[in-house]
Protein backbone atom coordinates (compact mmCIF):
# COMPACT_ATOMS: atom_id res chain seq x y z
CA MET A 1 105.85 101.84 37.94
CA GLU A 2 105.48 100.13 34.58
CA SER A 3 101.96 100.06 33.14
CA ARG A 4 100.22 96.72 32.71
CA LEU A 5 97.91 98.14 30.07
CA PRO A 6 98.66 97.02 26.49
CA THR A 7 100.57 99.52 24.40
CA ALA A 8 98.54 101.56 21.91
CA VAL A 9 99.82 102.83 18.56
CA VAL A 10 98.61 106.17 17.18
CA ILE A 11 99.51 106.70 13.53
CA ASP A 12 100.05 109.99 11.73
CA VAL A 13 100.44 112.33 14.66
CA ARG A 14 101.46 115.37 12.61
CA TRP A 15 98.51 117.44 13.78
CA VAL A 16 95.75 117.84 16.36
CA ASN A 17 93.77 114.65 15.70
CA GLY A 18 96.76 112.46 16.49
CA LEU A 19 97.74 114.65 19.43
CA ALA A 20 94.26 114.35 20.98
CA ALA A 21 94.36 110.55 20.68
CA ILE A 22 97.79 110.43 22.32
CA ARG A 23 96.58 112.51 25.25
CA SER A 24 93.41 110.49 25.77
CA LEU A 25 95.41 107.28 26.02
CA GLY A 26 98.34 108.71 27.95
CA ARG A 27 96.10 110.16 30.64
CA MET A 28 94.74 106.65 31.19
CA GLY A 29 98.23 105.38 31.84
CA VAL A 30 98.43 103.57 28.50
CA PRO A 31 101.93 103.35 26.96
CA VAL A 32 101.65 105.10 23.58
CA ILE A 33 103.82 104.75 20.50
CA ALA A 34 103.25 107.63 18.07
CA LEU A 35 104.09 107.21 14.39
CA ALA A 36 104.44 109.72 11.57
CA HIS A 37 106.37 109.84 8.32
CA ARG A 38 107.81 113.27 9.17
CA ALA A 39 110.17 113.94 12.06
CA GLY A 40 108.53 117.29 12.83
CA ALA A 41 105.19 115.72 13.78
CA LEU A 42 103.49 117.69 16.56
CA GLY A 43 102.58 114.50 18.43
CA PHE A 44 106.26 113.63 18.82
CA ARG A 45 106.48 116.53 21.30
CA SER A 46 103.89 115.06 23.64
CA ARG A 47 105.05 113.78 27.02
CA TYR A 48 102.57 110.94 26.68
CA ALA A 49 104.14 109.18 23.70
CA ARG A 50 107.31 107.70 22.28
CA GLY A 51 107.69 108.92 18.72
CA LEU A 52 108.95 106.86 15.78
CA VAL A 53 109.34 107.90 12.15
CA CYS A 54 107.72 105.38 9.79
CA PRO A 55 107.62 105.11 5.99
CA ASP A 56 104.95 107.01 4.07
CA PRO A 57 102.25 104.45 3.11
CA VAL A 58 101.54 106.25 -0.15
CA GLU A 59 105.16 106.37 -1.28
CA ASP A 60 106.22 103.03 0.22
CA GLU A 61 103.31 100.87 1.36
CA ALA A 62 105.44 97.73 1.56
CA GLY A 63 107.97 99.52 3.78
CA TYR A 64 105.20 100.92 5.97
CA VAL A 65 103.63 97.48 6.45
CA ALA A 66 107.03 95.88 7.16
CA PHE A 67 107.70 98.61 9.74
CA LEU A 68 104.37 97.91 11.45
CA ALA A 69 104.97 94.15 11.37
CA GLU A 70 108.36 94.53 13.04
CA LEU A 71 106.94 96.93 15.62
CA GLY A 72 104.06 94.56 16.36
CA GLU A 73 106.41 91.65 16.93
CA SER A 74 108.32 93.71 19.51
CA LEU A 75 105.22 94.28 21.67
CA ASP A 76 104.13 92.02 24.50
CA ALA A 77 100.45 92.00 23.47
CA PRO A 78 98.31 92.94 20.46
CA ALA A 79 98.15 96.73 20.29
CA PRO A 80 95.03 98.83 19.66
CA VAL A 81 95.94 100.94 16.66
CA PHE A 82 94.50 104.37 15.83
CA PRO A 83 95.28 105.70 12.34
CA THR A 84 94.10 109.30 11.98
CA HIS A 85 94.22 109.67 8.19
CA ASP A 86 92.89 107.53 5.38
CA GLU A 87 96.17 106.52 3.75
CA PHE A 88 97.50 105.08 7.01
CA LEU A 89 94.19 103.36 7.76
CA ASN A 90 93.82 101.90 4.26
CA ALA A 91 97.27 100.33 4.23
CA ILE A 92 96.63 98.59 7.57
CA ALA A 93 93.20 97.32 6.58
CA ARG A 94 94.45 96.19 3.16
CA ASN A 95 97.37 94.28 4.72
CA ALA A 96 95.64 92.91 7.82
CA GLU A 97 96.56 89.33 6.93
CA THR A 98 100.25 90.22 6.62
CA LEU A 99 100.19 92.02 9.97
CA GLY A 100 98.53 89.03 11.60
CA GLY A 101 97.30 89.44 15.14
CA SER A 102 99.73 92.18 16.16
CA TYR A 103 97.09 94.91 16.12
CA LEU A 104 93.52 95.40 17.30
CA HIS A 105 91.46 97.44 14.86
CA PRO A 106 88.75 100.00 15.70
CA PHE A 107 87.57 99.81 12.09
CA PRO A 108 86.00 97.15 9.82
CA GLU A 109 87.73 94.74 7.47
CA TRP A 110 89.23 96.03 4.23
CA GLU A 111 86.27 94.89 2.11
CA LEU A 112 84.03 97.47 3.79
CA VAL A 113 86.70 100.13 4.35
CA GLU A 114 87.50 100.08 0.63
CA ARG A 115 83.84 100.65 -0.25
CA ILE A 116 83.48 103.45 2.29
CA GLN A 117 86.42 105.32 0.78
CA ASP A 118 84.39 105.64 -2.44
CA LYS A 119 82.26 108.78 -1.95
CA ALA A 120 79.80 107.66 -4.60
CA TRP A 121 79.21 104.36 -2.75
CA GLN A 122 78.55 106.27 0.47
CA LEU A 123 75.89 108.39 -1.20
CA GLU A 124 74.31 105.35 -2.88
CA GLN A 125 73.99 103.62 0.47
CA GLY A 126 72.54 106.72 2.07
CA ARG A 127 70.00 107.13 -0.70
CA ALA A 128 69.00 103.45 -0.46
CA LEU A 129 68.43 103.86 3.29
CA GLY A 130 66.23 106.91 2.81
CA ILE A 131 68.81 109.40 4.04
CA PRO A 132 68.83 112.75 2.19
CA VAL A 133 71.90 113.33 -0.01
CA PRO A 134 73.01 116.23 -2.23
CA LEU A 135 72.37 116.03 -5.97
CA THR A 136 75.39 114.32 -7.53
CA ALA A 137 76.50 113.45 -11.07
CA GLU A 138 79.38 111.41 -12.46
CA GLU A 139 80.07 113.97 -15.21
CA PRO A 140 79.51 117.73 -15.54
CA ALA A 141 75.74 118.11 -15.84
CA ALA A 142 73.58 120.99 -17.00
CA ASP A 143 70.89 120.40 -14.37
CA LEU A 144 73.15 121.28 -11.42
CA ALA A 145 73.06 124.95 -10.49
CA PHE A 146 76.31 126.73 -9.65
CA PRO A 147 78.27 126.73 -7.47
CA VAL A 148 79.12 123.03 -7.55
CA LEU A 149 81.82 120.89 -6.00
CA VAL A 150 84.17 118.54 -7.79
CA LYS A 151 84.87 115.79 -5.24
CA PRO A 152 87.11 112.74 -5.69
CA ARG A 153 86.21 109.11 -5.26
CA ASP A 154 89.90 108.68 -4.44
CA PRO A 155 90.32 111.22 -1.63
CA VAL A 156 93.88 110.25 -0.65
CA GLY A 157 95.40 110.85 -4.08
CA PHE A 158 93.38 114.03 -4.57
CA ARG A 159 94.47 115.55 -1.26
CA ARG A 160 98.09 114.68 -1.95
CA ALA A 161 97.90 116.30 -5.39
CA PHE A 162 95.96 119.46 -4.57
CA GLY A 163 96.11 119.94 -0.78
CA ARG A 164 92.35 120.21 -0.45
CA GLN A 165 89.22 118.07 -0.21
CA ALA A 166 87.32 119.36 -3.26
CA PHE A 167 87.19 122.09 -5.88
CA ARG A 168 84.44 124.68 -5.68
CA CYS A 169 83.40 125.81 -9.17
CA GLU A 170 81.44 128.99 -9.80
CA ASP A 171 80.81 128.56 -13.54
CA ALA A 172 80.91 126.04 -16.38
CA ALA A 173 84.45 126.94 -17.48
CA ALA A 174 85.84 126.33 -14.00
CA LEU A 175 83.88 123.10 -13.71
CA LEU A 176 85.23 121.66 -16.95
CA ALA A 177 88.80 122.66 -16.10
CA ASP A 178 88.70 121.33 -12.52
CA PHE A 179 86.95 118.14 -13.54
CA GLU A 180 89.76 117.39 -15.97
CA ARG A 181 92.39 118.16 -13.31
CA ALA A 182 90.65 115.74 -10.96
CA ARG A 183 89.99 113.01 -13.53
CA PRO A 184 92.83 110.71 -12.30
CA TYR A 185 91.01 110.58 -8.94
CA ARG A 186 87.60 109.57 -10.33
CA PRO A 187 85.75 112.83 -9.69
CA LEU A 188 82.08 113.46 -9.01
CA VAL A 189 80.14 116.70 -9.46
CA GLN A 190 77.95 117.60 -6.49
CA GLU A 191 75.65 120.50 -5.74
CA PHE A 192 76.91 122.90 -3.10
CA VAL A 193 74.31 122.82 -0.36
CA PRO A 194 73.79 126.51 0.50
CA GLY A 195 74.77 127.96 3.83
CA GLY A 196 77.94 128.62 5.76
CA ASP A 197 80.27 126.44 7.77
CA GLU A 198 77.92 126.59 10.76
CA ARG A 199 75.48 124.31 8.93
CA LEU A 200 77.94 121.37 8.96
CA TYR A 201 77.03 118.76 11.58
CA THR A 202 78.91 115.67 12.77
CA LEU A 203 77.97 112.42 14.44
CA GLY A 204 81.06 110.94 16.10
CA SER A 205 80.65 107.42 17.42
CA TYR A 206 82.15 104.10 18.39
CA LEU A 207 80.08 101.00 17.59
CA ASP A 208 81.05 97.68 19.16
CA SER A 209 81.17 94.33 17.35
CA ASN A 210 77.38 94.00 17.69
CA GLY A 211 76.74 97.43 16.22
CA GLU A 212 75.79 98.93 19.58
CA PRO A 213 77.00 102.49 20.25
CA LEU A 214 79.35 102.72 23.21
CA GLY A 215 79.99 106.40 22.52
CA LEU A 216 77.88 109.07 20.81
CA PHE A 217 78.87 112.68 20.17
CA CYS A 218 77.13 115.32 18.08
CA GLY A 219 78.48 118.71 17.11
CA ARG A 220 78.78 121.25 14.36
CA LYS A 221 81.51 123.28 12.76
CA LEU A 222 81.46 127.02 13.17
CA ARG A 223 84.46 127.82 11.00
CA GLN A 224 86.54 125.87 8.50
CA THR A 225 89.93 126.47 6.93
CA PRO A 226 89.51 127.33 4.12
CA PRO A 227 85.84 128.40 4.42
CA GLY A 228 83.27 126.30 2.59
CA VAL A 229 85.36 123.21 1.90
CA GLY A 230 88.03 122.62 4.51
CA THR A 231 88.89 121.34 7.96
CA CYS A 232 87.46 122.48 11.28
CA ARG A 233 89.00 125.51 12.98
CA ILE A 234 86.18 126.16 15.46
CA GLY A 235 83.51 123.65 16.47
CA GLU A 236 80.88 123.27 19.16
CA ALA A 237 79.02 120.44 20.85
CA VAL A 238 75.30 120.43 20.07
CA TRP A 239 72.92 117.47 20.07
CA VAL A 240 70.62 117.16 17.05
CA ASP A 241 68.38 114.09 17.09
CA GLU A 242 68.04 113.92 13.31
CA VAL A 243 71.80 113.95 12.79
CA VAL A 244 72.34 111.19 15.36
CA GLU A 245 69.46 109.03 14.11
CA GLN A 246 70.41 109.33 10.42
CA GLY A 247 74.07 108.70 11.15
CA LEU A 248 73.35 105.58 13.18
CA ALA A 249 70.91 104.31 10.56
CA LEU A 250 73.60 104.68 7.91
CA LEU A 251 76.35 103.00 9.96
CA ARG A 252 74.11 100.09 10.91
CA GLY A 253 72.78 99.82 7.37
CA ILE A 254 76.27 99.25 5.94
CA GLY A 255 77.33 96.97 8.80
CA PHE A 256 79.92 99.37 10.21
CA ARG A 257 81.82 98.66 13.42
CA GLY A 258 84.36 100.90 15.15
CA LEU A 259 85.20 104.61 15.18
CA SER A 260 83.70 107.00 12.66
CA GLN A 261 82.58 110.50 11.81
CA VAL A 262 79.46 110.99 9.71
CA GLU A 263 79.04 114.54 8.40
CA PHE A 264 75.83 116.22 7.24
CA LYS A 265 74.92 119.69 6.04
CA HIS A 266 71.65 121.35 7.00
CA ASP A 267 69.92 122.51 3.84
CA PRO A 268 67.90 125.72 4.41
CA ARG A 269 65.85 125.03 1.28
CA ASP A 270 64.04 122.03 2.76
CA GLY A 271 65.27 121.87 6.36
CA ARG A 272 66.84 118.43 5.94
CA TYR A 273 70.29 117.23 6.98
CA LYS A 274 72.06 115.90 3.88
CA LEU A 275 74.82 113.31 3.99
CA LEU A 276 78.24 114.56 2.94
CA GLU A 277 80.61 111.78 3.96
CA ILE A 278 81.66 109.02 6.33
CA ASN A 279 85.19 108.94 7.74
CA PRO A 280 85.93 105.47 9.20
CA ARG A 281 88.38 106.80 11.80
CA LEU A 282 89.01 109.60 14.28
CA TRP A 283 88.47 113.06 12.82
CA GLN A 284 90.26 116.36 13.43
CA TRP A 285 88.22 117.75 16.33
CA HIS A 286 87.40 114.57 18.27
CA GLY A 287 89.08 116.19 21.29
CA LEU A 288 85.82 118.10 21.80
CA ALA A 289 83.93 114.83 22.18
CA ALA A 290 86.25 113.85 25.03
CA ALA A 291 85.59 117.18 26.74
CA THR A 292 81.85 116.48 26.70
CA GLY A 293 82.20 113.09 28.39
CA VAL A 294 82.55 110.94 25.26
CA ASP A 295 86.24 110.09 24.93
CA LEU A 296 85.98 107.93 21.83
CA THR A 297 89.67 106.98 21.79
CA ARG A 298 89.44 105.73 25.39
CA ILE A 299 86.16 103.93 24.69
CA ALA A 300 87.59 102.17 21.64
CA TYR A 301 90.77 101.19 23.49
CA LEU A 302 88.87 99.63 26.40
CA ASP A 303 86.53 97.73 24.09
CA LEU A 304 89.40 96.41 21.99
CA VAL A 305 91.29 95.08 25.04
CA GLY A 306 88.15 93.34 26.32
CA GLU A 307 87.03 95.83 28.97
CA PRO A 308 84.13 97.67 27.29
CA PRO A 309 82.92 100.69 29.26
CA PRO A 310 79.24 101.55 29.78
CA PRO A 311 77.70 103.49 26.87
CA ALA A 312 78.40 107.24 26.97
CA ARG A 313 76.61 110.25 25.54
CA MET A 314 77.42 113.93 25.72
CA ASN A 315 77.04 115.41 29.20
CA GLY A 316 74.97 118.33 27.89
CA LYS A 317 77.43 121.06 28.86
CA PRO A 318 77.91 123.61 26.05
CA ARG A 319 81.53 123.40 24.92
CA ARG A 320 83.54 124.74 22.03
CA TRP A 321 86.81 123.66 20.45
CA ALA A 322 89.30 125.67 18.43
CA ILE A 323 92.79 125.75 17.00
CA THR A 324 93.73 129.19 18.28
CA LEU A 325 97.08 129.41 16.53
CA ALA A 326 97.95 127.68 13.27
CA PRO A 327 101.05 128.31 11.13
CA GLY A 328 100.33 130.51 8.14
CA GLU A 329 96.79 131.40 9.28
CA ARG A 330 95.19 134.20 11.26
CA PRO A 331 94.60 133.52 14.97
CA VAL A 332 91.04 132.74 16.04
CA PHE A 333 89.68 133.73 19.42
CA VAL A 334 86.87 131.94 21.21
CA ARG A 335 85.32 133.08 24.46
CA PRO A 336 86.60 130.87 27.33
CA PRO A 337 86.10 128.26 28.48
CA TYR A 338 86.84 126.22 25.38
CA VAL A 339 89.03 123.28 24.37
CA ASP A 340 92.16 124.24 22.46
CA GLY A 341 93.25 121.61 19.96
CA ILE A 342 96.93 122.04 20.86
CA LEU A 343 97.32 123.74 24.25
CA ALA A 344 97.04 121.54 27.36
CA ARG A 345 98.34 122.36 30.82
CA ASP A 346 99.61 118.83 31.42
CA ASP A 347 101.35 118.60 28.03
CA LEU A 348 102.87 121.96 27.05
CA ARG A 349 105.62 121.07 24.59
CA PRO A 350 103.31 120.64 21.55
CA ALA A 351 101.84 124.12 22.13
CA LEU A 352 105.30 125.68 22.52
CA THR A 353 106.46 123.97 19.34
CA ASN A 354 103.40 125.20 17.48
CA LEU A 355 103.87 128.74 18.79
CA ALA A 356 107.46 128.76 17.54
CA ARG A 357 106.30 127.64 14.10
CA VAL A 358 103.63 130.36 13.99
CA VAL A 359 106.17 133.01 14.97
CA ARG A 360 108.65 131.82 12.33
CA ARG A 361 105.96 132.23 9.66
CA VAL A 362 105.26 135.81 10.79
CA VAL A 363 108.74 137.12 11.66
CA PRO A 364 111.25 137.11 8.75
């Protein structure tokens, strides 16, 4: 039987964040179109989606927008759209007028999205709202103790160039060299808040058009890849009032609406949670939020199509999330039960594809 629910479009499904969004929607009975600029995208293996290869918005933004416009015209109703990485999000927000009413956005207008993508602006807003932030300078400064981070204001270009989110510098020579390497991406120098990956906390939320939270999740990372400055490999659900309250204060203070992740680091020197960044989209381990009763993709979809669900918070059950197997990396093992970012009983092909890729990297 054909679904009467409007089609949803999930964009950049190469990895687990796109795959989790596909599964959340598909399990609702929503027809899902999955897009990526590489044919090997993991999300293309999901039984819940129809995969299409689209242009890369960094290499060919005009082609990407034209592709989306043509796809939108082929749909029977405006489609909720879920970009999972900044470059795909930015191109949609920047070209919203060209795309017309073909898509429903779980993110603000380009004017605010553009500001949010500037890490310095994020920190300025946090500071103005009384939210603790790490010490930050626009140029290498003598008053920042090592180690320090060189972070870009232009995260998309930086990640494309260096395959990482920041440089960690242990001494002045490394700082000067890395700052010059990052100069095309408008770098900042920021203190490294001491402590391991387990001190990194996240507020994941969906705020409706009135700024009211329809979904709230709180968790922390336990391990990143690579350690210190990387992406989540193991995470757990844990509610911390200060993280939730500061994150909501920041989002409301800047007038944010839609899906987001706000990340903080707990500073053992003063016990405060310091703002690291806002991501105005789904993040890598949002599948854990769904497992705790806060399926943010589902919540956003229902709100966008005019059927907002009642507000949801975590159900209080302790849960963990992990990517057990990742190509080119050591396996990680978490005591069951936990949520695997790739393996799902009702959708096995992505896990089998990933296993084959892991094996190919190990066996000559």
